[in-house]
N, C-alpha and C. Protein backbone atom coordinates (compact mmCIF):
# COMPACT_ATOMS: atom_id res chain seq x y z
N MET A 1 0.84 -1.18 0.00
CA MET A 1 0.00 0.00 0.00
C MET A 1 0.88 1.24 0.00
N ARG A 2 0.43 2.25 -0.69
CA ARG A 2 1.19 3.49 -0.77
C ARG A 2 1.19 4.20 0.56
N GLY A 3 2.25 4.96 0.78
CA GLY A 3 2.32 5.77 1.98
C GLY A 3 1.47 7.02 1.85
N LYS A 4 1.39 7.74 2.92
CA LYS A 4 0.62 8.98 2.91
C LYS A 4 1.58 10.14 3.09
N LYS A 5 1.18 11.28 2.55
CA LYS A 5 2.00 12.48 2.64
C LYS A 5 1.13 13.60 3.22
N LYS A 6 1.67 14.30 4.15
CA LYS A 6 0.95 15.40 4.79
C LYS A 6 1.09 16.64 3.92
N VAL A 7 -0.03 17.34 3.71
CA VAL A 7 -0.01 18.57 2.94
C VAL A 7 -0.65 19.69 3.76
N SER A 8 -0.35 20.89 3.38
CA SER A 8 -0.92 22.04 4.05
C SER A 8 -1.71 22.84 3.02
N LEU A 9 -2.92 23.22 3.39
CA LEU A 9 -3.79 23.98 2.49
C LEU A 9 -4.23 25.27 3.16
N THR A 10 -4.43 26.27 2.36
CA THR A 10 -4.99 27.52 2.85
C THR A 10 -6.40 27.64 2.28
N LEU A 11 -7.38 27.68 3.18
CA LEU A 11 -8.78 27.71 2.76
C LEU A 11 -9.49 28.88 3.41
N ASP A 12 -10.56 29.32 2.76
CA ASP A 12 -11.39 30.36 3.36
C ASP A 12 -12.01 29.83 4.65
N GLU A 13 -12.21 30.72 5.59
CA GLU A 13 -12.75 30.32 6.89
C GLU A 13 -14.12 29.67 6.75
N ASP A 14 -14.97 30.22 5.87
CA ASP A 14 -16.30 29.65 5.66
C ASP A 14 -16.22 28.21 5.16
N LEU A 15 -15.30 27.97 4.26
CA LEU A 15 -15.12 26.61 3.73
C LEU A 15 -14.64 25.67 4.83
N CYS A 16 -13.74 26.13 5.66
CA CYS A 16 -13.25 25.31 6.77
C CYS A 16 -14.39 24.92 7.70
N ILE A 17 -15.27 25.86 7.98
CA ILE A 17 -16.42 25.58 8.85
C ILE A 17 -17.32 24.53 8.20
N ASP A 18 -17.58 24.69 6.91
CA ASP A 18 -18.41 23.73 6.19
C ASP A 18 -17.78 22.34 6.18
N ILE A 19 -16.47 22.28 6.02
CA ILE A 19 -15.75 21.00 6.02
C ILE A 19 -15.86 20.34 7.38
N GLU A 20 -15.68 21.12 8.42
CA GLU A 20 -15.79 20.58 9.78
C GLU A 20 -17.20 20.04 10.04
N LYS A 21 -18.21 20.79 9.60
CA LYS A 21 -19.60 20.34 9.78
C LYS A 21 -19.86 19.04 9.02
N ALA A 22 -19.39 18.98 7.77
CA ALA A 22 -19.61 17.79 6.95
C ALA A 22 -18.90 16.57 7.54
N ALA A 23 -17.67 16.75 7.98
CA ALA A 23 -16.91 15.65 8.57
C ALA A 23 -17.60 15.15 9.84
N LYS A 24 -18.10 16.07 10.62
CA LYS A 24 -18.80 15.69 11.86
C LYS A 24 -20.10 14.97 11.53
N ALA A 25 -20.85 15.48 10.56
CA ALA A 25 -22.12 14.85 10.18
C ALA A 25 -21.91 13.45 9.62
N LEU A 26 -20.83 13.26 8.88
CA LEU A 26 -20.53 11.96 8.29
C LEU A 26 -19.74 11.07 9.23
N ASN A 27 -19.31 11.64 10.34
CA ASN A 27 -18.52 10.92 11.34
C ASN A 27 -17.23 10.34 10.74
N ILE A 28 -16.56 11.19 9.97
CA ILE A 28 -15.27 10.79 9.39
C ILE A 28 -14.27 11.92 9.63
N PRO A 29 -12.97 11.59 9.63
CA PRO A 29 -11.95 12.63 9.78
C PRO A 29 -11.95 13.59 8.58
N LYS A 30 -11.56 14.82 8.83
CA LYS A 30 -11.50 15.81 7.75
C LYS A 30 -10.55 15.37 6.64
N SER A 31 -9.48 14.69 6.99
CA SER A 31 -8.54 14.23 5.96
C SER A 31 -9.20 13.21 5.04
N GLN A 32 -10.03 12.34 5.59
CA GLN A 32 -10.73 11.36 4.75
C GLN A 32 -11.74 12.06 3.85
N LEU A 33 -12.43 13.05 4.38
CA LEU A 33 -13.37 13.83 3.58
C LEU A 33 -12.64 14.54 2.44
N ALA A 34 -11.48 15.09 2.74
CA ALA A 34 -10.68 15.79 1.72
C ALA A 34 -10.24 14.81 0.63
N ARG A 35 -9.78 13.62 1.04
CA ARG A 35 -9.36 12.62 0.05
C ARG A 35 -10.51 12.26 -0.88
N LYS A 36 -11.68 12.05 -0.28
CA LYS A 36 -12.86 11.71 -1.10
C LYS A 36 -13.20 12.85 -2.05
N ALA A 37 -13.14 14.07 -1.55
CA ALA A 37 -13.46 15.23 -2.38
C ALA A 37 -12.47 15.38 -3.54
N PHE A 38 -11.18 15.21 -3.24
CA PHE A 38 -10.17 15.30 -4.30
C PHE A 38 -10.36 14.20 -5.33
N ARG A 39 -10.60 12.98 -4.89
CA ARG A 39 -10.81 11.87 -5.84
C ARG A 39 -12.03 12.12 -6.70
N PHE A 40 -13.12 12.57 -6.07
CA PHE A 40 -14.34 12.87 -6.81
C PHE A 40 -14.08 13.94 -7.87
N TRP A 41 -13.38 15.00 -7.47
CA TRP A 41 -13.08 16.09 -8.41
C TRP A 41 -12.23 15.59 -9.58
N LEU A 42 -11.21 14.79 -9.26
CA LEU A 42 -10.34 14.26 -10.32
C LEU A 42 -11.11 13.36 -11.27
N GLU A 43 -12.00 12.52 -10.73
CA GLU A 43 -12.82 11.66 -11.59
C GLU A 43 -13.72 12.48 -12.50
N LYS A 44 -14.34 13.52 -11.94
CA LYS A 44 -15.22 14.38 -12.75
C LYS A 44 -14.44 15.11 -13.84
N GLN A 45 -13.24 15.57 -13.51
CA GLN A 45 -12.39 16.23 -14.51
C GLN A 45 -12.06 15.26 -15.64
N THR A 46 -11.71 14.04 -15.28
CA THR A 46 -11.39 13.02 -16.28
C THR A 46 -12.59 12.74 -17.16
N GLU A 47 -13.76 12.57 -16.54
CA GLU A 47 -14.98 12.32 -17.30
C GLU A 47 -15.29 13.48 -18.25
N THR A 48 -15.11 14.70 -17.77
CA THR A 48 -15.38 15.88 -18.60
C THR A 48 -14.44 15.93 -19.80
N LEU A 49 -13.15 15.67 -19.56
CA LEU A 49 -12.18 15.68 -20.65
C LEU A 49 -12.46 14.56 -21.65
N MET A 50 -12.83 13.39 -21.15
CA MET A 50 -13.15 12.27 -22.05
C MET A 50 -14.39 12.58 -22.87
N ALA A 51 -15.41 13.14 -22.25
CA ALA A 51 -16.63 13.49 -22.98
C ALA A 51 -16.33 14.51 -24.07
N LYS A 52 -15.51 15.49 -23.74
CA LYS A 52 -15.13 16.51 -24.73
C LYS A 52 -14.38 15.86 -25.90
N GLY A 53 -13.48 14.94 -25.57
CA GLY A 53 -12.74 14.25 -26.62
C GLY A 53 -13.64 13.42 -27.52
N TYR A 54 -14.59 12.72 -26.90
CA TYR A 54 -15.53 11.91 -27.70
C TYR A 54 -16.40 12.79 -28.58
N GLU A 55 -16.82 13.95 -28.05
CA GLU A 55 -17.62 14.86 -28.86
C GLU A 55 -16.82 15.37 -30.06
N GLU A 56 -15.56 15.70 -29.85
CA GLU A 56 -14.71 16.16 -30.94
C GLU A 56 -14.49 15.05 -31.96
N MET A 57 -14.28 13.82 -31.46
CA MET A 57 -14.10 12.68 -32.37
C MET A 57 -15.36 12.43 -33.18
N ALA A 58 -16.52 12.55 -32.54
CA ALA A 58 -17.79 12.34 -33.24
C ALA A 58 -17.97 13.36 -34.35
N LYS A 59 -17.60 14.60 -34.08
CA LYS A 59 -17.71 15.66 -35.09
C LYS A 59 -16.78 15.34 -36.28
N GLU A 60 -15.55 14.94 -35.97
CA GLU A 60 -14.60 14.59 -37.03
C GLU A 60 -15.09 13.38 -37.81
N ASP A 61 -15.62 12.37 -37.11
CA ASP A 61 -16.13 11.18 -37.78
C ASP A 61 -17.30 11.51 -38.69
N LYS A 62 -18.17 12.41 -38.24
CA LYS A 62 -19.32 12.81 -39.05
C LYS A 62 -18.86 13.54 -40.32
N GLU A 63 -17.89 14.42 -40.17
CA GLU A 63 -17.35 15.13 -41.33
C GLU A 63 -16.71 14.16 -42.31
N PHE A 64 -15.93 13.20 -41.78
CA PHE A 64 -15.28 12.22 -42.63
C PHE A 64 -16.31 11.34 -43.34
N ALA A 65 -17.35 10.95 -42.61
CA ALA A 65 -18.40 10.12 -43.21
C ALA A 65 -19.07 10.88 -44.35
N GLY A 66 -19.29 12.18 -44.15
CA GLY A 66 -19.89 12.99 -45.21
C GLY A 66 -19.01 13.04 -46.45
N LEU A 67 -17.71 13.18 -46.26
CA LEU A 67 -16.79 13.21 -47.39
C LEU A 67 -16.77 11.88 -48.14
N THR A 68 -16.70 10.79 -47.38
CA THR A 68 -16.64 9.48 -48.03
C THR A 68 -17.96 9.14 -48.70
N PHE A 69 -19.07 9.60 -48.11
CA PHE A 69 -20.37 9.36 -48.72
C PHE A 69 -20.45 10.02 -50.08
N HIS A 70 -20.02 11.27 -50.15
CA HIS A 70 -20.05 11.99 -51.43
C HIS A 70 -19.09 11.37 -52.44
N ALA A 71 -17.94 10.89 -51.97
CA ALA A 71 -16.99 10.25 -52.87
C ALA A 71 -17.57 8.94 -53.41
N GLN A 72 -18.21 8.16 -52.58
CA GLN A 72 -18.82 6.90 -53.02
C GLN A 72 -19.98 7.18 -53.98
N LYS A 73 -20.72 8.23 -53.71
CA LYS A 73 -21.84 8.59 -54.57
C LYS A 73 -21.35 8.95 -55.97
N GLU A 74 -20.21 9.67 -56.03
CA GLU A 74 -19.65 10.03 -57.33
C GLU A 74 -19.17 8.80 -58.10
N ILE A 75 -18.59 7.84 -57.37
CA ILE A 75 -18.10 6.63 -58.00
C ILE A 75 -19.24 5.81 -58.58
N LEU A 76 -20.34 5.73 -57.84
CA LEU A 76 -21.48 4.95 -58.30
C LEU A 76 -22.20 5.71 -59.39
């Protein structure tokens, strides 16, 4: 298992209060809440980038299909 590394963050006071409330409500340490939040954010970023890539690929595929369709139509 990987080791853990301690980090220091500077957060707005309001956010700190919200984090403390959430950790208390969930009955988990703030560090565990932070890990979950970071993982969630990273997963969402990855999903967003992948979706954008697929949309761009779909656009390119549609354009290519249109070109090949017209070329095949001319041949026939």
